[in-house]
Protein backbone atom coordinates (compact mmCIF):
# COMPACT_ATOMS: atom_id res chain seq x y z
CA MET A 1 -16.15 3.78 -36.84
CA ALA A 2 -14.81 2.60 -33.29
CA ALA A 3 -15.85 4.48 -30.38
CA ALA A 4 -13.11 6.91 -28.68
CA ILE A 5 -11.68 5.29 -25.61
CA GLN A 6 -12.13 7.34 -22.49
CA ILE A 7 -9.16 7.32 -20.61
CA PRO A 8 -9.74 8.87 -17.16
CA GLU A 9 -7.71 11.91 -15.79
CA ALA A 10 -4.83 10.65 -13.56
CA ILE A 11 -5.70 11.18 -10.20
CA CYS A 12 -2.52 9.59 -8.72
CA HIS A 13 0.70 8.50 -9.70
CA LEU A 14 3.47 5.85 -8.62
CA ARG A 15 6.87 6.25 -7.39
CA PRO A 16 9.41 3.69 -5.88
CA ALA A 17 9.09 3.17 -2.19
CA GLY A 18 12.38 4.02 -0.27
CA ILE A 19 13.84 4.14 3.22
CA ALA A 20 12.03 7.74 3.71
CA ASP A 21 8.88 5.96 3.40
CA GLU A 22 9.14 3.49 6.59
CA ALA A 23 7.27 5.67 8.87
CA PHE A 24 4.18 6.13 6.10
CA LEU A 25 4.09 2.50 5.33
CA LEU A 26 4.04 1.40 9.01
CA GLU A 27 1.46 3.90 9.67
CA LEU A 28 -0.46 2.56 6.84
CA TYR A 29 0.03 -1.09 7.67
CA ALA A 30 -1.23 0.06 11.31
CA GLN A 31 -4.24 1.44 10.12
CA THR A 32 -5.00 -1.96 8.22
CA ARG A 33 -4.81 -3.72 11.38
CA ALA A 34 -6.43 -0.76 13.79
CA GLU A 35 -10.01 -2.69 13.81
CA GLU A 36 -8.66 -6.16 14.81
CA LEU A 37 -6.43 -4.56 17.51
CA ALA A 38 -8.82 -2.57 19.00
CA GLN A 39 -10.57 -5.93 20.47
CA ALA A 40 -7.37 -7.37 21.18
CA GLY A 41 -7.12 -5.93 24.64
CA LEU A 42 -3.56 -4.82 24.22
CA ASP A 43 -2.37 -1.41 25.80
CA PRO A 44 -0.90 1.13 23.42
CA LEU A 45 2.65 0.19 23.99
CA GLN A 46 1.85 -3.55 23.46
CA ARG A 47 -0.08 -2.90 20.27
CA GLU A 48 2.88 -0.30 19.02
CA VAL A 49 5.20 -3.45 19.57
CA PHE A 50 2.86 -5.85 18.08
CA VAL A 51 2.35 -3.81 14.76
CA GLN A 52 6.14 -2.94 14.26
CA MET A 53 6.78 -6.81 14.80
CA GLN A 54 4.17 -7.90 12.21
CA PHE A 55 4.97 -5.14 9.98
CA ARG A 56 8.43 -6.36 9.64
CA ALA A 57 7.61 -10.08 9.16
CA ARG A 58 5.50 -8.78 6.54
CA GLN A 59 7.97 -6.98 4.88
CA THR A 60 10.23 -10.07 5.06
CA GLY A 61 7.38 -12.38 3.79
CA TYR A 62 6.85 -10.04 0.68
CA GLN A 63 10.57 -9.97 -0.11
CA ALA A 64 10.66 -13.77 -0.10
CA ALA A 65 7.70 -14.30 -1.89
CA TYR A 66 7.93 -11.51 -4.35
CA PRO A 67 11.78 -10.66 -4.64
CA LEU A 68 11.67 -8.64 -7.77
CA ALA A 69 8.30 -6.97 -7.15
CA ALA A 70 8.09 -3.27 -7.36
CA ASP A 71 7.25 -1.80 -4.13
CA GLU A 72 5.40 1.26 -4.76
CA ILE A 73 4.21 4.71 -3.31
CA ILE A 74 0.69 5.76 -4.55
CA CYS A 75 0.85 9.70 -4.52
CA SER A 76 -1.85 12.06 -4.99
CA ALA A 77 -2.20 14.25 -8.02
CA THR A 78 -0.66 16.97 -5.38
CA GLY A 79 2.14 14.41 -4.73
CA GLY A 80 1.42 13.32 -1.03
CA PRO A 81 1.43 9.75 -0.20
CA VAL A 82 -2.17 7.97 -0.11
CA GLY A 83 -1.06 4.38 -0.20
CA ARG A 84 1.11 1.70 -1.56
CA GLY A 85 1.31 -1.08 -3.97
CA LEU A 86 3.40 -4.04 -4.32
CA VAL A 87 3.34 -5.13 -7.98
CA ASP A 88 5.50 -8.27 -9.27
CA ARG A 89 5.62 -7.78 -12.88
CA MET A 90 6.66 -10.76 -14.89
CA GLN A 91 6.89 -11.57 -18.56
CA ASP A 92 3.58 -13.13 -19.00
CA GLU A 93 1.63 -12.00 -16.07
CA MET A 94 1.38 -9.28 -13.54
CA ARG A 95 0.56 -10.08 -9.62
CA LEU A 96 -0.53 -7.62 -7.10
CA GLY A 97 0.79 -8.55 -3.79
CA ASP A 98 -0.68 -5.82 -1.67
CA LEU A 99 -2.70 -2.66 -2.28
CA ALA A 100 -3.66 -0.46 0.67
CA ILE A 101 -5.03 3.13 0.83
CA VAL A 102 -4.82 5.46 3.94
CA ALA A 103 -8.51 5.24 5.47
CA GLU A 104 -9.16 9.12 4.98
CA GLN A 105 -8.20 8.42 1.28
CA GLN A 106 -10.55 5.49 0.48
CA GLY A 107 -13.15 5.64 -2.05
CA ARG A 108 -11.64 8.34 -4.05
CA GLY A 109 -10.57 5.97 -7.09
CA TYR A 110 -7.01 5.89 -6.19
CA GLY A 111 -7.03 1.75 -5.70
CA THR A 112 -9.33 1.72 -8.78
CA GLN A 113 -6.72 3.65 -11.11
CA VAL A 114 -3.88 1.64 -9.70
């Protein structure tokens, strides 16, 4: 008799990213660059402009590299956004182009579940 497979309780779900998520995605991106930019010697305005420019460049690059990828918002069980995943699903393979979780939610299993 085969052992039962334990499926963990869902702690998050995915939904398609939309225009309304742009501010969240920009803030999430800024968090991923915060440590690096803290050492760059930029004033707050320069940092903001740089992050916006890099965010747009990254979005454009992902669209070129993964034109059919699903850009998804990772939501907690209560529905709030906690991260982002970019997944390119093809017939014979799946590629994870990006996975980011907001700093205060890291270590809670969201990335593992996704």
